[in-house]
Amino acid sequence: MINALMIFHAIISVLLVLMVLLQFGKGAEAGLISGTGSDAVFSGATGGNILTHITTVLAILFLGNSIFLAKLQSTKTSSSIMDGEAPISRPLNTDAQASKKDESTKPEAKTEKKSGK
């Protein structure tokens, strides 16, 4: 079932890309030099053609199929590839350890005790 859904997902992906590439942009009919098509660009009254409706349906199918595939894959396995690995225990602050090492390797200054004789 998952293999069939993956193939369906690939087909939807290719069709969605093709539908987006086939569409003209909103500014495609507007002239670059003359402002004759500027009203069509800024008006939101266009209902859209068949390509926009097909693109919308494909986008909804793509999103729904993606969520469904993710849900199926998450319930399929509950283990991780990192489950068998031993944890690496390193301190989070390596600067603090470096300063401790420096202090332990420094020779301490010897203070001479003066006798009061």
N, C-alpha and C. Protein backbone atom coordinates (compact mmCIF):
# COMPACT_ATOMS: atom_id res chain seq x y z
N MET A 1 0.82 -1.19 0.00
CA MET A 1 0.00 0.00 0.00
C MET A 1 0.87 1.26 0.00
N ILE A 2 1.95 1.22 0.78
CA ILE A 2 2.82 2.39 0.85
C ILE A 2 3.51 2.61 -0.49
N ASN A 3 3.90 1.52 -1.16
CA ASN A 3 4.53 1.67 -2.47
C ASN A 3 3.58 2.30 -3.48
N ALA A 4 2.32 1.89 -3.46
CA ALA A 4 1.34 2.48 -4.38
C ALA A 4 1.13 3.96 -4.07
N LEU A 5 1.10 4.30 -2.80
CA LEU A 5 0.95 5.72 -2.42
C LEU A 5 2.17 6.54 -2.80
N MET A 6 3.35 5.93 -2.72
CA MET A 6 4.57 6.65 -3.12
C MET A 6 4.57 6.92 -4.63
N ILE A 7 4.13 5.93 -5.41
CA ILE A 7 4.03 6.13 -6.86
C ILE A 7 2.99 7.20 -7.18
N PHE A 8 1.85 7.13 -6.50
CA PHE A 8 0.81 8.15 -6.66
C PHE A 8 1.34 9.54 -6.30
N HIS A 9 2.15 9.61 -5.25
CA HIS A 9 2.73 10.87 -4.81
C HIS A 9 3.70 11.42 -5.86
N ALA A 10 4.48 10.56 -6.46
CA ALA A 10 5.41 10.99 -7.51
C ALA A 10 4.66 11.52 -8.72
N ILE A 11 3.57 10.83 -9.09
CA ILE A 11 2.77 11.29 -10.23
C ILE A 11 2.13 12.64 -9.94
N ILE A 12 1.59 12.80 -8.73
CA ILE A 12 1.00 14.09 -8.34
C ILE A 12 2.06 15.18 -8.39
N SER A 13 3.27 14.88 -7.91
CA SER A 13 4.34 15.88 -7.89
C SER A 13 4.68 16.35 -9.30
N VAL A 14 4.83 15.42 -10.22
CA VAL A 14 5.17 15.78 -11.60
C VAL A 14 4.04 16.58 -12.24
N LEU A 15 2.80 16.14 -12.04
CA LEU A 15 1.67 16.87 -12.60
C LEU A 15 1.53 18.27 -12.01
N LEU A 16 1.79 18.39 -10.72
CA LEU A 16 1.70 19.71 -10.08
C LEU A 16 2.75 20.66 -10.63
N VAL A 17 3.96 20.18 -10.83
CA VAL A 17 5.01 21.02 -11.41
C VAL A 17 4.63 21.42 -12.84
N LEU A 18 4.12 20.49 -13.62
CA LEU A 18 3.72 20.81 -15.00
C LEU A 18 2.58 21.83 -15.03
N MET A 19 1.61 21.70 -14.15
CA MET A 19 0.49 22.64 -14.13
C MET A 19 0.95 24.05 -13.74
N VAL A 20 1.88 24.13 -12.81
CA VAL A 20 2.39 25.45 -12.41
C VAL A 20 3.18 26.07 -13.56
N LEU A 21 3.96 25.25 -14.26
CA LEU A 21 4.76 25.79 -15.36
C LEU A 21 3.91 26.17 -16.57
N LEU A 22 2.76 25.54 -16.76
CA LEU A 22 1.90 25.85 -17.89
C LEU A 22 1.13 27.17 -17.71
N GLN A 23 0.96 27.58 -16.48
CA GLN A 23 0.16 28.78 -16.23
C GLN A 23 0.95 30.04 -16.55
N PHE A 24 0.23 31.05 -17.00
CA PHE A 24 0.82 32.37 -17.18
C PHE A 24 0.76 33.09 -15.85
N GLY A 25 1.71 33.97 -15.64
CA GLY A 25 1.69 34.78 -14.44
C GLY A 25 0.64 35.86 -14.55
N LYS A 26 0.35 36.52 -13.43
CA LYS A 26 -0.66 37.58 -13.45
C LYS A 26 -0.19 38.76 -14.30
N GLY A 27 1.09 39.01 -14.35
CA GLY A 27 1.60 40.14 -15.10
C GLY A 27 1.96 39.79 -16.53
N ALA A 28 1.65 38.58 -17.00
CA ALA A 28 2.06 38.17 -18.33
C ALA A 28 1.30 38.92 -19.41
N GLU A 29 0.04 39.28 -19.14
CA GLU A 29 -0.73 39.99 -20.15
C GLU A 29 -0.54 41.51 -20.05
N ALA A 30 0.11 41.99 -19.03
CA ALA A 30 0.35 43.42 -18.89
C ALA A 30 1.55 43.82 -19.74
N GLY A 31 1.41 44.92 -20.44
CA GLY A 31 2.52 45.38 -21.26
C GLY A 31 3.61 45.99 -20.39
N LEU A 32 4.87 45.82 -20.79
CA LEU A 32 5.97 46.36 -20.00
C LEU A 32 6.10 47.86 -20.18
N ILE A 33 5.89 48.33 -21.41
CA ILE A 33 6.07 49.75 -21.69
C ILE A 33 4.78 50.53 -21.48
N SER A 34 3.70 50.04 -22.04
CA SER A 34 2.42 50.75 -21.89
C SER A 34 1.67 50.18 -20.70
N GLY A 35 0.85 50.97 -20.12
CA GLY A 35 0.08 50.56 -18.95
C GLY A 35 -1.29 50.06 -19.31
N THR A 36 -1.47 49.45 -20.47
CA THR A 36 -2.80 49.04 -20.91
C THR A 36 -3.33 47.86 -20.11
N GLY A 37 -2.48 46.98 -19.65
CA GLY A 37 -2.96 45.79 -18.95
C GLY A 37 -2.86 45.90 -17.45
N SER A 38 -2.57 47.06 -16.92
CA SER A 38 -2.36 47.18 -15.48
C SER A 38 -3.63 47.00 -14.68
N ASP A 39 -4.79 47.28 -15.27
CA ASP A 39 -6.04 47.06 -14.56
C ASP A 39 -6.29 45.57 -14.33
N ALA A 40 -5.90 44.75 -15.31
CA ALA A 40 -6.11 43.31 -15.18
C ALA A 40 -5.19 42.71 -14.13
N VAL A 41 -4.04 43.32 -13.93
CA VAL A 41 -3.09 42.78 -12.96
C VAL A 41 -3.57 43.01 -11.54
N PHE A 42 -4.09 44.19 -11.25
CA PHE A 42 -4.43 44.55 -9.88
C PHE A 42 -5.87 44.23 -9.51
N SER A 43 -6.67 43.72 -10.43
CA SER A 43 -8.05 43.40 -10.08
C SER A 43 -8.11 41.95 -9.61
N GLY A 44 -8.85 41.72 -8.58
CA GLY A 44 -8.99 40.38 -8.03
C GLY A 44 -10.28 39.73 -8.46
N ALA A 45 -10.94 40.23 -9.47
CA ALA A 45 -12.25 39.74 -9.87
C ALA A 45 -12.17 38.54 -10.82
N THR A 46 -10.99 38.11 -11.18
CA THR A 46 -10.88 36.98 -12.10
C THR A 46 -11.22 35.70 -11.37
N GLY A 47 -12.01 34.86 -12.02
CA GLY A 47 -12.43 33.61 -11.41
C GLY A 47 -11.42 32.51 -11.58
N GLY A 48 -10.52 32.64 -12.50
CA GLY A 48 -9.52 31.61 -12.75
C GLY A 48 -9.98 30.66 -13.83
N ASN A 49 -9.07 30.09 -14.53
CA ASN A 49 -9.41 29.15 -15.58
C ASN A 49 -9.26 27.73 -15.08
N ILE A 50 -9.34 26.79 -15.98
CA ILE A 50 -9.31 25.37 -15.61
C ILE A 50 -7.94 24.97 -15.05
N LEU A 51 -6.87 25.62 -15.51
CA LEU A 51 -5.53 25.26 -15.01
C LEU A 51 -5.38 25.61 -13.53
N THR A 52 -5.95 26.72 -13.11
CA THR A 52 -5.84 27.08 -11.69
C THR A 52 -6.64 26.11 -10.82
N HIS A 53 -7.78 25.66 -11.33
CA HIS A 53 -8.58 24.69 -10.56
C HIS A 53 -7.87 23.34 -10.48
N ILE A 54 -7.27 22.91 -11.57
CA ILE A 54 -6.53 21.65 -11.56
C ILE A 54 -5.33 21.76 -10.62
N THR A 55 -4.65 22.90 -10.64
CA THR A 55 -3.50 23.11 -9.76
C THR A 55 -3.93 23.07 -8.29
N THR A 56 -5.07 23.66 -7.99
CA THR A 56 -5.57 23.65 -6.62
C THR A 56 -5.89 22.23 -6.16
N VAL A 57 -6.56 21.45 -7.02
CA VAL A 57 -6.90 20.07 -6.67
C VAL A 57 -5.63 19.24 -6.48
N LEU A 58 -4.66 19.42 -7.38
CA LEU A 58 -3.41 18.67 -7.25
C LEU A 58 -2.65 19.06 -5.99
N ALA A 59 -2.67 20.33 -5.64
CA ALA A 59 -1.99 20.78 -4.42
C ALA A 59 -2.64 20.18 -3.18
N ILE A 60 -3.97 20.12 -3.17
CA ILE A 60 -4.67 19.52 -2.03
C ILE A 60 -4.38 18.03 -1.94
N LEU A 61 -4.37 17.34 -3.10
CA LEU A 61 -4.02 15.91 -3.11
C LEU A 61 -2.58 15.68 -2.64
N PHE A 62 -1.66 16.54 -3.07
CA PHE A 62 -0.26 16.44 -2.67
C PHE A 62 -0.12 16.60 -1.16
N LEU A 63 -0.77 17.60 -0.62
CA LEU A 63 -0.68 17.85 0.82
C LEU A 63 -1.30 16.70 1.63
N GLY A 64 -2.48 16.26 1.20
CA GLY A 64 -3.14 15.17 1.92
C GLY A 64 -2.36 13.87 1.84
N ASN A 65 -1.83 13.58 0.67
CA ASN A 65 -1.03 12.36 0.51
C ASN A 65 0.27 12.44 1.32
N SER A 66 0.87 13.61 1.39
CA SER A 66 2.09 13.78 2.19
C SER A 66 1.83 13.51 3.66
N ILE A 67 0.75 14.07 4.17
CA ILE A 67 0.41 13.87 5.58
C ILE A 67 0.08 12.40 5.85
N PHE A 68 -0.67 11.78 4.93
CA PHE A 68 -1.05 10.37 5.10
C PHE A 68 0.17 9.47 5.06
N LEU A 69 1.10 9.73 4.13
CA LEU A 69 2.33 8.92 4.05
C LEU A 69 3.18 9.10 5.31
N ALA A 70 3.27 10.31 5.80
CA ALA A 70 4.04 10.55 7.02
C ALA A 70 3.43 9.81 8.21
N LYS A 71 2.12 9.82 8.28
CA LYS A 71 1.43 9.12 9.38
C LYS A 71 1.65 7.61 9.28
N LEU A 72 1.59 7.07 8.05
CA LEU A 72 1.83 5.63 7.87
C LEU A 72 3.26 5.25 8.22
N GLN A 73 4.21 6.05 7.83
CA GLN A 73 5.61 5.74 8.11
C GLN A 73 5.93 5.87 9.59
N SER A 74 5.29 6.79 10.29
CA SER A 74 5.59 6.96 11.71
C SER A 74 5.03 5.81 12.54
N THR A 75 3.93 5.22 12.11
CA THR A 75 3.38 4.09 12.86
C THR A 75 4.03 2.77 12.45
N LYS A 76 4.72 2.76 11.31
CA LYS A 76 5.34 1.54 10.81
C LYS A 76 6.53 1.12 11.68
N THR A 77 7.39 2.05 12.02
CA THR A 77 8.55 1.75 12.84
C THR A 77 8.57 2.67 14.05
N SER A 78 8.94 2.10 15.17
CA SER A 78 9.03 2.92 16.37
C SER A 78 10.46 2.95 16.91
N SER A 79 11.40 2.44 16.12
CA SER A 79 12.79 2.46 16.56
C SER A 79 13.57 3.46 15.73
N SER A 80 14.70 3.80 16.24
CA SER A 80 15.57 4.76 15.58
C SER A 80 16.87 4.06 15.21
N ILE A 81 17.58 4.62 14.25
CA ILE A 81 18.87 4.04 13.89
C ILE A 81 19.91 4.31 14.96
N MET A 82 19.63 5.23 15.86
CA MET A 82 20.56 5.56 16.93
C MET A 82 20.29 4.76 18.20
N ASP A 83 19.32 3.85 18.19
CA ASP A 83 19.00 3.09 19.39
C ASP A 83 20.13 2.19 19.84
N GLY A 84 20.89 1.59 18.92
CA GLY A 84 21.95 0.68 19.28
C GLY A 84 23.26 1.36 19.63
N GLU A 85 23.36 2.65 19.42
CA GLU A 85 24.60 3.37 19.66
C GLU A 85 24.74 3.72 21.14
N ALA A 86 25.95 3.68 21.62
CA ALA A 86 26.23 4.08 22.99
C ALA A 86 26.28 5.60 23.06
N PRO A 87 25.74 6.18 24.09
CA PRO A 87 25.77 7.64 24.19
C PRO A 87 27.19 8.15 24.43
N ILE A 88 27.48 9.25 23.86
CA ILE A 88 28.78 9.88 24.05
C ILE A 88 28.61 10.93 25.13
N SER A 89 29.36 10.75 26.20
CA SER A 89 29.22 11.70 27.30
C SER A 89 30.38 12.68 27.27
N ARG A 90 30.09 13.83 26.78
CA ARG A 90 31.07 14.91 26.76
C ARG A 90 30.48 16.09 27.53
N PRO A 91 31.31 16.82 28.17
CA PRO A 91 30.78 18.01 28.86
C PRO A 91 30.34 19.05 27.83
N LEU A 92 29.34 19.78 28.17
CA LEU A 92 28.83 20.78 27.26
C LEU A 92 29.75 21.98 27.15
N ASN A 93 30.44 22.30 28.23
CA ASN A 93 31.29 23.47 28.24
C ASN A 93 32.75 23.01 28.21
N THR A 94 33.35 23.03 27.05
CA THR A 94 34.73 22.57 26.93
C THR A 94 35.72 23.64 27.38
N ASP A 95 35.28 24.89 27.41
CA ASP A 95 36.17 25.95 27.88
C ASP A 95 36.48 25.81 29.36
N ALA A 96 35.52 25.38 30.14
CA ALA A 96 35.74 25.23 31.58
C ALA A 96 36.73 24.11 31.85
N GLN A 97 36.66 23.05 31.08
CA GLN A 97 37.61 21.96 31.27
C GLN A 97 39.00 22.36 30.84
N ALA A 98 39.11 23.14 29.78
CA ALA A 98 40.42 23.57 29.30
C ALA A 98 41.10 24.47 30.34
N SER A 99 40.32 25.33 30.99
CA SER A 99 40.92 26.19 32.00
C SER A 99 41.33 25.39 33.23
N LYS A 100 40.60 24.33 33.57
CA LYS A 100 40.97 23.48 34.70
C LYS A 100 42.26 22.73 34.40
N LYS A 101 42.43 22.28 33.17
CA LYS A 101 43.65 21.58 32.79
C LYS A 101 44.84 22.52 32.83
N ASP A 102 44.64 23.74 32.39
CA ASP A 102 45.72 24.73 32.42
C ASP A 102 46.15 25.03 33.84
N GLU A 103 45.20 25.12 34.76
CA GLU A 103 45.52 25.42 36.16
C GLU A 103 46.26 24.26 36.80
N SER A 104 45.91 23.04 36.43
CA SER A 104 46.56 21.89 37.07
C SER A 104 47.97 21.66 36.52
N THR A 105 48.25 22.12 35.32
CA THR A 105 49.59 21.92 34.76
C THR A 105 50.54 23.05 35.08
N LYS A 106 50.05 24.17 35.55
CA LYS A 106 50.93 25.30 35.89
C LYS A 106 51.66 25.00 37.20
N PRO A 107 52.96 25.26 37.24
CA PRO A 107 53.65 25.09 38.53
C PRO A 107 53.27 26.24 39.46
N GLU A 108 52.94 25.86 40.65
CA GLU A 108 52.54 26.89 41.60
C GLU A 108 53.78 27.63 42.10
N ALA A 109 53.60 28.90 42.30
CA ALA A 109 54.73 29.71 42.80
C ALA A 109 54.99 29.33 44.25
N LYS A 110 56.24 29.04 44.50
CA LYS A 110 56.60 28.64 45.85
C LYS A 110 56.83 29.89 46.68
N THR A 111 56.21 29.94 47.76
CA THR A 111 56.39 31.08 48.65
C THR A 111 57.37 30.68 49.73
N GLU A 112 58.33 31.51 49.91
CA GLU A 112 59.34 31.21 50.90
C GLU A 112 58.88 31.79 52.24
N LYS A 113 59.00 30.97 53.22
CA LYS A 113 58.63 31.44 54.54
C LYS A 113 59.85 32.03 55.21
N LYS A 114 59.67 33.19 55.61
CA LYS A 114 60.81 33.86 56.30
C LYS A 114 60.70 33.56 57.78
N SER A 115 61.80 33.17 58.28
CA SER A 115 61.83 32.91 59.71
C SER A 115 62.23 34.18 60.43
N GLY A 116 61.71 34.38 61.52
CA GLY A 116 61.95 35.62 62.27
C GLY A 116 63.14 35.55 63.19
N LYS A 117 64.22 34.87 62.85
CA LYS A 117 65.39 34.76 63.72
C LYS A 117 66.27 35.91 63.55
